[in-house]
């Protein structure tokens, strides 16, 4: 009976642990997959915030999903972004992009940083 309780508790604990904590590539131990995506989004957010306004705006306009998020607030939305883009949390918007859009965003940021 005690062994059955122990197995039940152990199985419940294993079921509650996030699956990404146990994922590792062949022969190496890497950070969980969710954390890798967060790091990329945070770095893109930081790089985006460091751009001058004109370059920042051109990058955002090129990504329809991010542009639409600002356009939803009308001209006041763009005014707010212009005043606060360097401090605003863009990570949540970056996380909503699919893989190809994130790649496009990263390429645009890289090109904008090189054009400074």
N, C-alpha and C. Protein backbone atom coordinates (compact mmCIF):
# COMPACT_ATOMS: atom_id res chain seq x y z
N UNK A 1 0.82 -1.20 0.00
CA UNK A 1 0.00 0.00 0.00
C UNK A 1 0.87 1.27 0.00
N UNK A 2 1.91 1.26 0.82
CA UNK A 2 2.81 2.40 0.89
C UNK A 2 3.53 2.60 -0.44
N UNK A 3 3.88 1.50 -1.08
CA UNK A 3 4.56 1.59 -2.37
C UNK A 3 3.63 2.19 -3.42
N UNK A 4 2.36 1.86 -3.38
CA UNK A 4 1.37 2.39 -4.30
C UNK A 4 1.22 3.90 -4.12
N UNK A 5 1.20 4.36 -2.90
CA UNK A 5 1.11 5.80 -2.61
C UNK A 5 2.37 6.51 -3.12
N UNK A 6 3.54 5.90 -2.90
CA UNK A 6 4.79 6.47 -3.37
C UNK A 6 4.78 6.61 -4.89
N UNK A 7 4.34 5.57 -5.59
CA UNK A 7 4.28 5.61 -7.06
C UNK A 7 3.29 6.67 -7.54
N UNK A 8 2.17 6.80 -6.85
CA UNK A 8 1.17 7.80 -7.22
C UNK A 8 1.73 9.22 -7.06
N UNK A 9 2.40 9.47 -5.95
CA UNK A 9 2.99 10.79 -5.69
C UNK A 9 4.09 11.08 -6.72
N UNK A 10 4.92 10.10 -7.00
CA UNK A 10 6.01 10.28 -7.96
C UNK A 10 5.46 10.55 -9.36
N UNK A 11 4.41 9.85 -9.76
CA UNK A 11 3.84 10.07 -11.09
C UNK A 11 3.17 11.43 -11.18
N UNK A 12 2.53 11.87 -10.13
CA UNK A 12 1.92 13.21 -10.13
C UNK A 12 3.00 14.29 -10.21
N UNK A 13 4.09 14.08 -9.50
CA UNK A 13 5.19 15.06 -9.56
C UNK A 13 5.78 15.12 -10.96
N UNK A 14 5.99 13.97 -11.59
CA UNK A 14 6.56 13.95 -12.94
C UNK A 14 5.59 14.58 -13.95
N UNK A 15 4.30 14.38 -13.76
CA UNK A 15 3.33 14.95 -14.68
C UNK A 15 3.26 16.47 -14.55
N UNK A 16 3.56 16.98 -13.38
CA UNK A 16 3.48 18.42 -13.18
C UNK A 16 4.74 19.15 -13.62
N UNK A 17 5.86 18.45 -13.79
CA UNK A 17 7.11 19.08 -14.21
C UNK A 17 7.02 19.46 -15.68
N UNK A 18 7.47 20.65 -16.06
CA UNK A 18 7.44 21.05 -17.47
C UNK A 18 8.29 20.14 -18.32
N UNK A 19 7.76 19.75 -19.47
CA UNK A 19 8.46 18.83 -20.36
C UNK A 19 9.75 19.44 -20.90
N UNK A 20 9.78 20.74 -21.08
CA UNK A 20 10.97 21.37 -21.66
C UNK A 20 12.18 21.26 -20.75
N UNK A 21 11.98 21.05 -19.44
CA UNK A 21 13.12 20.92 -18.54
C UNK A 21 13.90 19.63 -18.80
N UNK A 22 13.28 18.66 -19.46
CA UNK A 22 13.92 17.37 -19.66
C UNK A 22 14.43 17.19 -21.08
N UNK A 23 14.24 18.17 -21.95
CA UNK A 23 14.66 18.06 -23.34
C UNK A 23 16.13 18.47 -23.46
N UNK A 24 16.92 17.62 -24.07
CA UNK A 24 18.33 17.94 -24.33
C UNK A 24 18.69 17.37 -25.69
N UNK A 25 19.58 18.04 -26.39
CA UNK A 25 20.01 17.52 -27.68
C UNK A 25 21.01 16.40 -27.47
N UNK A 26 21.37 15.73 -28.54
CA UNK A 26 22.23 14.55 -28.46
C UNK A 26 23.56 14.86 -27.79
N UNK A 27 23.74 14.34 -26.60
CA UNK A 27 25.02 14.45 -25.92
C UNK A 27 25.30 15.77 -25.22
N UNK A 28 24.44 16.77 -25.36
CA UNK A 28 24.68 18.05 -24.71
C UNK A 28 23.47 18.45 -23.89
N UNK A 29 23.72 19.29 -22.93
CA UNK A 29 22.63 19.81 -22.12
C UNK A 29 22.46 21.27 -22.49
N UNK A 30 21.29 21.60 -22.98
CA UNK A 30 21.00 22.97 -23.40
C UNK A 30 19.93 23.57 -22.51
N UNK A 31 19.74 24.87 -22.64
CA UNK A 31 18.66 25.53 -21.91
C UNK A 31 17.34 25.01 -22.45
N UNK A 32 16.30 24.99 -21.63
CA UNK A 32 14.99 24.56 -22.12
C UNK A 32 14.56 25.38 -23.33
N UNK A 33 13.81 24.77 -24.22
CA UNK A 33 13.43 25.41 -25.47
C UNK A 33 12.69 26.72 -25.25
N UNK A 34 11.83 26.78 -24.28
CA UNK A 34 11.07 28.01 -24.03
C UNK A 34 12.02 29.16 -23.67
N UNK A 35 13.05 28.87 -22.94
CA UNK A 35 13.98 29.92 -22.54
C UNK A 35 14.82 30.41 -23.71
N UNK A 36 15.12 29.55 -24.65
CA UNK A 36 15.90 29.95 -25.83
C UNK A 36 15.11 30.98 -26.62
N UNK A 37 13.82 30.75 -26.83
CA UNK A 37 12.97 31.71 -27.54
C UNK A 37 12.87 33.03 -26.81
N UNK A 38 12.80 32.99 -25.49
CA UNK A 38 12.73 34.21 -24.70
C UNK A 38 14.00 35.04 -24.87
N UNK A 39 15.14 34.37 -24.89
CA UNK A 39 16.41 35.07 -25.04
C UNK A 39 16.46 35.79 -26.38
N UNK A 40 16.02 35.11 -27.44
CA UNK A 40 16.01 35.73 -28.76
C UNK A 40 15.09 36.94 -28.79
N UNK A 41 13.91 36.81 -28.20
CA UNK A 41 12.95 37.91 -28.18
C UNK A 41 13.48 39.08 -27.37
N UNK A 42 14.11 38.78 -26.25
CA UNK A 42 14.67 39.85 -25.41
C UNK A 42 15.79 40.58 -26.13
N UNK A 43 16.63 39.83 -26.84
CA UNK A 43 17.73 40.46 -27.56
C UNK A 43 17.19 41.31 -28.70
N UNK A 44 16.19 40.81 -29.43
CA UNK A 44 15.59 41.60 -30.51
C UNK A 44 14.93 42.86 -29.95
N UNK A 45 14.28 42.73 -28.80
CA UNK A 45 13.66 43.88 -28.16
C UNK A 45 14.72 44.93 -27.82
N UNK A 46 15.82 44.49 -27.25
CA UNK A 46 16.92 45.40 -26.87
C UNK A 46 17.50 46.09 -28.11
N UNK A 47 17.74 45.30 -29.16
CA UNK A 47 18.29 45.86 -30.39
C UNK A 47 17.32 46.85 -31.04
N UNK A 48 16.05 46.53 -30.99
CA UNK A 48 15.02 47.41 -31.56
C UNK A 48 14.96 48.73 -30.80
N UNK A 49 15.04 48.66 -29.48
CA UNK A 49 14.98 49.87 -28.65
C UNK A 49 16.19 50.77 -28.84
N UNK A 50 17.29 50.23 -29.29
CA UNK A 50 18.51 51.03 -29.46
C UNK A 50 18.58 51.73 -30.81
N UNK A 51 17.64 51.45 -31.70
CA UNK A 51 17.65 52.10 -33.02
C UNK A 51 17.20 53.55 -32.92
N UNK A 52 17.70 54.41 -33.78
CA UNK A 52 17.16 55.77 -33.88
C UNK A 52 15.71 55.69 -34.38
N UNK A 53 14.91 56.73 -34.11
CA UNK A 53 13.49 56.71 -34.41
C UNK A 53 13.17 56.35 -35.86
N UNK A 54 13.83 56.98 -36.82
CA UNK A 54 13.50 56.73 -38.23
C UNK A 54 13.74 55.27 -38.61
N UNK A 55 14.83 54.73 -38.14
CA UNK A 55 15.12 53.32 -38.44
C UNK A 55 14.16 52.40 -37.70
N UNK A 56 13.85 52.73 -36.44
CA UNK A 56 12.90 51.95 -35.68
C UNK A 56 11.55 51.90 -36.40
N UNK A 57 11.09 53.07 -36.82
CA UNK A 57 9.78 53.16 -37.48
C UNK A 57 9.77 52.37 -38.78
N UNK A 58 10.83 52.43 -39.56
CA UNK A 58 10.88 51.69 -40.82
C UNK A 58 10.85 50.18 -40.58
N UNK A 59 11.48 49.72 -39.51
CA UNK A 59 11.45 48.30 -39.17
C UNK A 59 10.04 47.89 -38.78
N UNK A 60 9.39 48.66 -37.93
CA UNK A 60 8.04 48.33 -37.47
C UNK A 60 7.05 48.34 -38.62
N UNK A 61 7.14 49.32 -39.50
CA UNK A 61 6.23 49.42 -40.64
C UNK A 61 6.38 48.21 -41.56
N UNK A 62 7.56 47.63 -41.63
CA UNK A 62 7.82 46.48 -42.50
C UNK A 62 7.24 45.17 -41.94
N UNK A 63 6.87 45.14 -40.67
CA UNK A 63 6.29 43.95 -40.05
C UNK A 63 4.80 44.23 -39.83
N UNK A 64 3.92 43.71 -40.70
CA UNK A 64 2.50 44.06 -40.65
C UNK A 64 1.83 43.83 -39.30
N UNK A 65 2.17 42.76 -38.61
CA UNK A 65 1.53 42.48 -37.33
C UNK A 65 1.88 43.53 -36.27
N UNK A 66 3.13 43.98 -36.26
CA UNK A 66 3.55 44.99 -35.29
C UNK A 66 2.99 46.36 -35.66
N UNK A 67 2.98 46.65 -36.95
CA UNK A 67 2.42 47.92 -37.43
C UNK A 67 0.94 48.00 -37.08
N UNK A 68 0.21 46.91 -37.29
CA UNK A 68 -1.22 46.88 -37.00
C UNK A 68 -1.51 47.11 -35.52
N UNK A 69 -0.62 46.61 -34.66
CA UNK A 69 -0.80 46.80 -33.21
C UNK A 69 -0.72 48.28 -32.85
N UNK A 70 0.11 49.02 -33.54
CA UNK A 70 0.24 50.46 -33.28
C UNK A 70 -0.87 51.23 -33.99
N UNK A 71 -1.15 50.85 -35.24
CA UNK A 71 -2.20 51.52 -36.03
C UNK A 71 -3.57 51.43 -35.35
N UNK A 72 -3.78 50.39 -34.56
CA UNK A 72 -5.06 50.21 -33.88
C UNK A 72 -5.39 51.40 -32.97
N UNK A 73 -4.37 52.13 -32.54
CA UNK A 73 -4.57 53.29 -31.66
C UNK A 73 -4.58 54.61 -32.42
N UNK A 74 -4.47 54.54 -33.75
CA UNK A 74 -4.53 55.75 -34.57
C UNK A 74 -3.27 56.59 -34.44
N UNK A 75 -3.36 57.86 -34.81
CA UNK A 75 -2.18 58.75 -34.75
C UNK A 75 -1.62 58.88 -33.34
N UNK A 76 -2.49 58.81 -32.35
CA UNK A 76 -2.03 58.88 -30.97
C UNK A 76 -1.14 57.70 -30.60
N UNK A 77 -1.39 56.56 -31.23
CA UNK A 77 -0.56 55.38 -30.99
C UNK A 77 0.86 55.60 -31.46
N UNK A 78 1.00 56.18 -32.66
CA UNK A 78 2.33 56.45 -33.18
C UNK A 78 3.04 57.53 -32.37
N UNK A 79 2.29 58.51 -31.89
CA UNK A 79 2.89 59.55 -31.05
C UNK A 79 3.41 58.94 -29.75
N UNK A 80 2.61 58.07 -29.15
CA UNK A 80 3.02 57.39 -27.91
C UNK A 80 4.28 56.56 -28.16
N UNK A 81 4.28 55.82 -29.27
CA UNK A 81 5.43 54.97 -29.59
C UNK A 81 6.68 55.82 -29.80
N UNK A 82 6.52 56.92 -30.51
CA UNK A 82 7.69 57.78 -30.76
C UNK A 82 8.31 58.28 -29.46
N UNK A 83 7.46 58.60 -28.49
CA UNK A 83 7.96 59.12 -27.22
C UNK A 83 8.50 58.03 -26.29
N UNK A 84 8.04 56.78 -26.48
CA UNK A 84 8.36 55.73 -25.51
C UNK A 84 8.99 54.47 -26.09
N UNK A 85 9.29 54.43 -27.38
CA UNK A 85 9.73 53.17 -27.99
C UNK A 85 11.01 52.61 -27.37
N UNK A 86 11.88 53.47 -26.87
CA UNK A 86 13.15 52.99 -26.31
C UNK A 86 12.97 52.34 -24.94
N UNK A 87 11.83 52.56 -24.30
CA UNK A 87 11.58 51.98 -22.98
C UNK A 87 10.41 51.00 -22.97
N UNK A 88 9.64 50.99 -24.05
CA UNK A 88 8.44 50.16 -24.11
C UNK A 88 8.82 48.69 -24.25
N UNK A 89 8.05 47.80 -23.65
CA UNK A 89 8.31 46.36 -23.73
C UNK A 89 7.79 45.77 -25.03
N UNK A 90 8.67 45.57 -25.99
CA UNK A 90 8.30 45.04 -27.30
C UNK A 90 8.29 43.52 -27.33
N UNK A 91 8.80 42.88 -26.29
CA UNK A 91 8.94 41.43 -26.27
C UNK A 91 7.61 40.73 -26.50
N UNK A 92 6.54 41.21 -25.88
CA UNK A 92 5.25 40.53 -26.04
C UNK A 92 4.77 40.59 -27.49
N UNK A 93 5.08 41.66 -28.19
CA UNK A 93 4.71 41.76 -29.60
C UNK A 93 5.60 40.85 -30.45
N UNK A 94 6.86 40.77 -30.11
CA UNK A 94 7.79 39.91 -30.84
C UNK A 94 7.41 38.45 -30.64
N UNK A 95 7.00 38.08 -29.44
CA UNK A 95 6.61 36.70 -29.15
C UNK A 95 5.39 36.27 -29.97
N UNK A 96 4.55 37.20 -30.37
CA UNK A 96 3.35 36.87 -31.15
C UNK A 96 3.64 36.62 -32.62
N UNK A 97 4.85 36.94 -33.06
CA UNK A 97 5.21 36.73 -34.46
C UNK A 97 5.54 35.26 -34.71
N UNK A 98 5.27 34.80 -35.94
CA UNK A 98 5.67 33.43 -36.27
C UNK A 98 7.16 33.42 -36.62
N UNK A 99 7.70 32.24 -36.87
CA UNK A 99 9.14 32.09 -37.06
C UNK A 99 9.66 32.91 -38.25
N UNK A 100 8.93 32.92 -39.35
CA UNK A 100 9.40 33.68 -40.52
C UNK A 100 9.36 35.18 -40.26
N UNK A 101 8.35 35.64 -39.53
CA UNK A 101 8.26 37.06 -39.20
C UNK A 101 9.37 37.46 -38.23
N UNK A 102 9.70 36.58 -37.29
CA UNK A 102 10.80 36.87 -36.37
C UNK A 102 12.12 36.94 -37.13
N UNK A 103 12.30 36.04 -38.08
CA UNK A 103 13.52 36.05 -38.89
C UNK A 103 13.60 37.34 -39.69
N UNK A 104 12.45 37.75 -40.27
CA UNK A 104 12.41 39.00 -41.04
C UNK A 104 12.73 40.19 -40.13
N UNK A 105 12.16 40.20 -38.93
CA UNK A 105 12.42 41.28 -37.98
C UNK A 105 13.91 41.32 -37.62
N UNK A 106 14.50 40.17 -37.35
CA UNK A 106 15.92 40.13 -37.01
C UNK A 106 16.78 40.66 -38.16
N UNK A 107 16.42 40.29 -39.40
CA UNK A 107 17.17 40.78 -40.56
C UNK A 107 17.03 42.29 -40.72
N UNK A 108 15.82 42.80 -40.51
CA UNK A 108 15.59 44.24 -40.63
C UNK A 108 16.36 45.02 -39.56
N UNK A 109 16.35 44.50 -38.35
CA UNK A 109 17.09 45.16 -37.26
C UNK A 109 18.58 45.18 -37.58
N UNK A 110 19.08 44.04 -38.06
CA UNK A 110 20.50 43.95 -38.40
C UNK A 110 20.86 44.95 -39.51
N UNK A 111 20.00 45.05 -40.52
CA UNK A 111 20.24 45.98 -41.62
C UNK A 111 20.18 47.43 -41.12
N UNK A 112 19.23 47.71 -40.24
CA UNK A 112 19.08 49.07 -39.70
C UNK A 112 20.28 49.44 -38.83
N UNK A 113 20.79 48.50 -38.07
CA UNK A 113 21.96 48.77 -37.23
C UNK A 113 23.19 49.03 -38.09
N UNK A 114 23.29 48.35 -39.23
CA UNK A 114 24.41 48.54 -40.12
C UNK A 114 24.33 49.86 -40.88
N UNK A 115 23.11 50.40 -41.03
CA UNK A 115 22.91 51.63 -41.79
C UNK A 115 23.14 52.89 -40.94
N UNK A 116 23.39 52.74 -39.66
CA UNK A 116 23.56 53.91 -38.79
C UNK A 116 24.69 54.76 -39.19
